[in-house]
Amino acid sequence: MSKKNRRPQPRPARPTGAIEPASQRNTGQPDTLAPGQLETLIGLIATGALDAHLPQLAIAIRQRQHHLTIGHTIKALAAFAPGDRVRLNHQIRPLYLHGATGTVTGWAGQSIIVQLDVPTGRFTTGEIRCPSLGLEPIRRE
């Protein structure tokens, strides 16, 4: 690969105003689309009618997805406390950790520290830091 191909590509211009989450807008309208509006929007995008606005739409969608991910992460962080039993789900890497179980021992920033029941692979001490969305609680019976 040449150096030219490794250079970062310029990003499209960002919109001038910040996008507010739907919950903060005071539009008086419900958060859902009327029947047919979504299909109309998708049709306009698919036919090229909104090609001039695709960069702004992409930025708005990316920002919204980022806000939603942050919200899910915060909720998941709040769901775990030290001493909780957890299972690592399919979002965890490396793959050999999928399904491993352990106990929450604390937090490190936005990560949760888990002590694995069985030290695995390169995690010889059994202590790992995981994103909160990569854990599932194990319910006690």
C-alpha atoms as a PDB file:
ATOM      1  CA  MET A   1       0.000   0.000   0.000  1.00  0.00           C
ATOM      2  CA  SER A   2       1.432   3.357  -0.965  1.00  0.00           C
ATOM      3  CA  LYS A   3       1.726   6.264   1.437  1.00  0.00           C
ATOM      4  CA  LYS A   4      -0.843   8.168  -0.593  1.00  0.00           C
ATOM      5  CA  ASN A   5      -3.475   5.502   0.098  1.00  0.00           C
ATOM      6  CA  ARG A   6      -2.732   5.609   3.827  1.00  0.00           C
ATOM      7  CA  ARG A   7      -3.333   9.337   4.172  1.00  0.00           C
ATOM      8  CA  PRO A   8      -6.577  10.263   5.881  1.00  0.00           C
ATOM      9  CA  GLN A   9      -9.240  11.369   3.448  1.00  0.00           C
ATOM     10  CA  PRO A  10     -10.905  14.766   3.957  1.00  0.00           C
ATOM     11  CA  ARG A  11     -14.207  14.620   5.798  1.00  0.00           C
ATOM     12  CA  PRO A  12     -17.358  16.259   4.486  1.00  0.00           C
ATOM     13  CA  ALA A  13     -18.228  19.633   5.977  1.00  0.00           C
ATOM     14  CA  ARG A  14     -20.156  19.497   9.226  1.00  0.00           C
ATOM     15  CA  PRO A  15     -23.489  21.273   9.550  1.00  0.00           C
ATOM     16  CA  THR A  16     -23.281  24.653  11.216  1.00  0.00           C
ATOM     17  CA  GLY A  17     -25.718  23.929  14.052  1.00  0.00           C
ATOM     18  CA  ALA A  18     -25.550  21.172  16.604  1.00  0.00           C
ATOM     19  CA  ILE A  19     -28.280  18.566  16.421  1.00  0.00           C
ATOM     20  CA  GLU A  20     -30.453  18.313  19.507  1.00  0.00           C
ATOM     21  CA  PRO A  21     -31.751  14.944  20.658  1.00  0.00           C
ATOM     22  CA  ALA A  22     -35.432  14.468  19.819  1.00  0.00           C
ATOM     23  CA  SER A  23     -36.291  14.399  23.528  1.00  0.00           C
ATOM     24  CA  GLN A  24     -34.971  17.974  23.952  1.00  0.00           C
ATOM     25  CA  ARG A  25     -36.759  19.499  20.975  1.00  0.00           C
ATOM     26  CA  ASN A  26     -39.932  21.412  21.639  1.00  0.00           C
ATOM     27  CA  THR A  27     -41.739  20.768  18.351  1.00  0.00           C
ATOM     28  CA  GLY A  28     -45.020  19.581  19.794  1.00  0.00           C
ATOM     29  CA  GLN A  29     -44.894  16.586  17.446  1.00  0.00           C
ATOM     30  CA  PRO A  30     -44.618  12.932  18.487  1.00  0.00           C
ATOM     31  CA  ASP A  31     -41.277  11.137  18.084  1.00  0.00           C
ATOM     32  CA  THR A  32     -42.704   8.723  15.506  1.00  0.00           C
ATOM     33  CA  LEU A  33     -43.295   9.282  11.807  1.00  0.00           C
ATOM     34  CA  ALA A  34     -46.764   9.269  10.322  1.00  0.00           C
ATOM     35  CA  PRO A  35     -47.594   6.186   8.241  1.00  0.00           C
ATOM     36  CA  GLY A  36     -45.840   6.426   4.897  1.00  0.00           C
ATOM     37  CA  GLN A  37     -43.349   9.157   5.871  1.00  0.00           C
ATOM     38  CA  LEU A  38     -40.479   6.733   6.411  1.00  0.00           C
ATOM     39  CA  GLU A  39     -41.121   5.018   3.083  1.00  0.00           C
ATOM     40  CA  THR A  40     -41.252   8.431   1.385  1.00  0.00           C
ATOM     41  CA  LEU A  41     -37.928   9.468   2.938  1.00  0.00           C
ATOM     42  CA  ILE A  42     -36.278   6.175   1.976  1.00  0.00           C
ATOM     43  CA  GLY A  43     -37.671   6.503  -1.543  1.00  0.00           C
ATOM     44  CA  LEU A  44     -36.311  10.044  -1.901  1.00  0.00           C
ATOM     45  CA  ILE A  45     -32.867   8.880  -0.799  1.00  0.00           C
ATOM     46  CA  ALA A  46     -32.927   5.780  -3.035  1.00  0.00           C
ATOM     47  CA  THR A  47     -33.969   7.715  -6.147  1.00  0.00           C
ATOM     48  CA  GLY A  48     -31.306  10.378  -5.664  1.00  0.00           C
ATOM     49  CA  ALA A  49     -33.646  13.264  -4.939  1.00  0.00           C
ATOM     50  CA  LEU A  50     -31.669  14.074  -1.779  1.00  0.00           C
ATOM     51  CA  ASP A  51     -28.158  13.524  -3.173  1.00  0.00           C
ATOM     52  CA  ALA A  52     -27.163  17.119  -2.429  1.00  0.00           C
ATOM     53  CA  HIS A  53     -28.083  16.587   1.215  1.00  0.00           C
ATOM     54  CA  LEU A  54     -26.538  13.136   1.773  1.00  0.00           C
ATOM     55  CA  PRO A  55     -23.472  14.437   3.690  1.00  0.00           C
ATOM     56  CA  GLN A  56     -25.698  16.331   6.154  1.00  0.00           C
ATOM     57  CA  LEU A  57     -28.021  13.327   6.524  1.00  0.00           C
ATOM     58  CA  ALA A  58     -25.062  11.013   7.137  1.00  0.00           C
ATOM     59  CA  ILE A  59     -23.650  13.330   9.804  1.00  0.00           C
ATOM     60  CA  ALA A  60     -27.024  13.648  11.530  1.00  0.00           C
ATOM     61  CA  ILE A  61     -27.537   9.866  11.518  1.00  0.00           C
ATOM     62  CA  ARG A  62     -24.013   9.232  12.833  1.00  0.00           C
ATOM     63  CA  GLN A  63     -24.469  11.772  15.638  1.00  0.00           C
ATOM     64  CA  ARG A  64     -27.824  10.273  16.613  1.00  0.00           C
ATOM     65  CA  GLN A  65     -26.367   6.763  16.670  1.00  0.00           C
ATOM     66  CA  HIS A  66     -23.515   8.030  18.833  1.00  0.00           C
ATOM     67  CA  HIS A  67     -25.957   9.637  21.308  1.00  0.00           C
ATOM     68  CA  LEU A  68     -27.989   6.424  21.483  1.00  0.00           C
ATOM     69  CA  THR A  69     -24.866   4.330  22.087  1.00  0.00           C
ATOM     70  CA  ILE A  70     -23.764   6.633  24.900  1.00  0.00           C
ATOM     71  CA  GLY A  71     -27.212   6.347  26.489  1.00  0.00           C
ATOM     72  CA  HIS A  72     -27.176   2.543  26.279  1.00  0.00           C
ATOM     73  CA  THR A  73     -23.654   2.449  27.712  1.00  0.00           C
ATOM     74  CA  ILE A  74     -24.584   4.621  30.693  1.00  0.00           C
ATOM     75  CA  LYS A  75     -27.663   2.493  31.425  1.00  0.00           C
ATOM     76  CA  ALA A  76     -25.582  -0.679  31.207  1.00  0.00           C
ATOM     77  CA  LEU A  77     -22.881   0.770  33.507  1.00  0.00           C
ATOM     78  CA  ALA A  78     -25.538   1.603  36.081  1.00  0.00           C
ATOM     79  CA  ALA A  79     -26.905  -1.944  35.913  1.00  0.00           C
ATOM     80  CA  PHE A  80     -23.736  -3.546  37.305  1.00  0.00           C
ATOM     81  CA  ALA A  81     -22.324  -3.352  40.819  1.00  0.00           C
ATOM     82  CA  PRO A  82     -19.244  -4.953  42.378  1.00  0.00           C
ATOM     83  CA  GLY A  83     -19.992  -8.561  43.216  1.00  0.00           C
ATOM     84  CA  ASP A  84     -22.438  -9.111  40.333  1.00  0.00           C
ATOM     85  CA  ARG A  85     -21.964 -12.268  38.298  1.00  0.00           C
ATOM     86  CA  VAL A  86     -21.649 -11.676  34.540  1.00  0.00           C
ATOM     87  CA  ARG A  87     -21.185 -13.521  31.249  1.00  0.00           C
ATOM     88  CA  LEU A  88     -19.212 -12.008  28.352  1.00  0.00           C
ATOM     89  CA  ASN A  89     -21.362 -11.743  25.233  1.00  0.00           C
ATOM     90  CA  HIS A  90     -20.657 -11.787  21.477  1.00  0.00           C
ATOM     91  CA  GLN A  91     -19.442  -8.160  21.407  1.00  0.00           C
ATOM     92  CA  ILE A  92     -16.268  -8.977  23.348  1.00  0.00           C
ATOM     93  CA  ARG A  93     -12.945  -9.504  21.631  1.00  0.00           C
ATOM     94  CA  PRO A  94     -10.925 -11.734  21.469  1.00  0.00           C
ATOM     95  CA  LEU A  95     -13.453 -14.317  20.380  1.00  0.00           C
ATOM     96  CA  TYR A  96     -12.240 -16.995  22.807  1.00  0.00           C
ATOM     97  CA  LEU A  97     -13.709 -14.932  25.663  1.00  0.00           C
ATOM     98  CA  HIS A  98     -17.291 -15.332  24.419  1.00  0.00           C
ATOM     99  CA  GLY A  99     -19.388 -17.007  27.080  1.00  0.00           C
ATOM    100  CA  ALA A 100     -16.736 -16.683  29.801  1.00  0.00           C
ATOM    101  CA  THR A 101     -18.106 -15.919  33.250  1.00  0.00           C
ATOM    102  CA  GLY A 102     -16.774 -13.780  36.057  1.00  0.00           C
ATOM    103  CA  THR A 103     -17.492 -11.317  38.837  1.00  0.00           C
ATOM    104  CA  VAL A 104     -17.592  -7.526  38.596  1.00  0.00           C
ATOM    105  CA  THR A 105     -14.885  -6.025  40.812  1.00  0.00           C
ATOM    106  CA  GLY A 106     -15.107  -2.341  39.881  1.00  0.00           C
ATOM    107  CA  TRP A 107     -14.966   0.294  37.157  1.00  0.00           C
ATOM    108  CA  ALA A 108     -12.207   1.934  35.149  1.00  0.00           C
ATOM    109  CA  GLY A 109     -13.645   4.935  33.337  1.00  0.00           C
ATOM    110  CA  GLN A 110     -16.418   3.633  31.111  1.00  0.00           C
ATOM    111  CA  SER A 111     -15.181   0.058  31.374  1.00  0.00           C
ATOM    112  CA  ILE A 112     -16.141  -2.567  33.917  1.00  0.00           C
ATOM    113  CA  ILE A 113     -13.414  -4.631  35.570  1.00  0.00           C
ATOM    114  CA  VAL A 114     -14.278  -8.325  35.645  1.00  0.00           C
ATOM    115  CA  GLN A 115     -12.420 -11.091  37.439  1.00  0.00           C
ATOM    116  CA  LEU A 116     -12.827 -14.191  35.258  1.00  0.00           C
ATOM    117  CA  ASP A 117     -13.658 -17.480  36.941  1.00  0.00           C
ATOM    118  CA  VAL A 118     -10.994 -19.199  34.832  1.00  0.00           C
ATOM    119  CA  PRO A 119      -8.026 -17.160  33.536  1.00  0.00           C
ATOM    120  CA  THR A 120      -8.016 -17.592  29.765  1.00  0.00           C
ATOM    121  CA  GLY A 121      -5.535 -16.916  26.967  1.00  0.00           C
ATOM    122  CA  ARG A 122      -3.392 -13.838  27.473  1.00  0.00           C
ATOM    123  CA  PHE A 123      -5.416 -12.836  30.537  1.00  0.00           C
ATOM    124  CA  THR A 124      -3.267 -14.848  32.931  1.00  0.00           C
ATOM    125  CA  THR A 125      -4.436 -12.966  36.034  1.00  0.00           C
ATOM    126  CA  GLY A 126      -8.074 -13.358  35.016  1.00  0.00           C
ATOM    127  CA  GLU A 127      -8.722  -9.611  35.328  1.00  0.00           C
ATOM    128  CA  ILE A 128     -10.127  -7.890  32.254  1.00  0.00           C
ATOM    129  CA  ARG A 129     -11.711  -4.532  31.429  1.00  0.00           C
ATOM    130  CA  CYS A 130     -14.853  -4.769  29.342  1.00  0.00           C
ATOM    131  CA  PRO A 131     -17.293  -2.314  27.830  1.00  0.00           C
ATOM    132  CA  SER A 132     -20.578  -2.481  29.712  1.00  0.00           C
ATOM    133  CA  LEU A 133     -22.485  -3.480  26.554  1.00  0.00           C
ATOM    134  CA  GLY A 134     -20.287  -6.579  26.298  1.00  0.00           C
ATOM    135  CA  LEU A 135     -21.629  -8.069  29.538  1.00  0.00           C
ATOM    136  CA  GLU A 136     -24.814  -9.886  30.454  1.00  0.00           C
ATOM    137  CA  PRO A 137     -25.887 -10.373  34.061  1.00  0.00           C
ATOM    138  CA  ILE A 138     -26.162 -13.930  35.333  1.00  0.00           C
ATOM    139  CA  ARG A 139     -29.372 -14.197  37.306  1.00  0.00           C
ATOM    140  CA  ARG A 140     -29.183 -16.107  40.557  1.00  0.00           C
ATOM    141  CA  GLU A 141     -31.702 -18.876  40.842  1.00  0.00           C
END
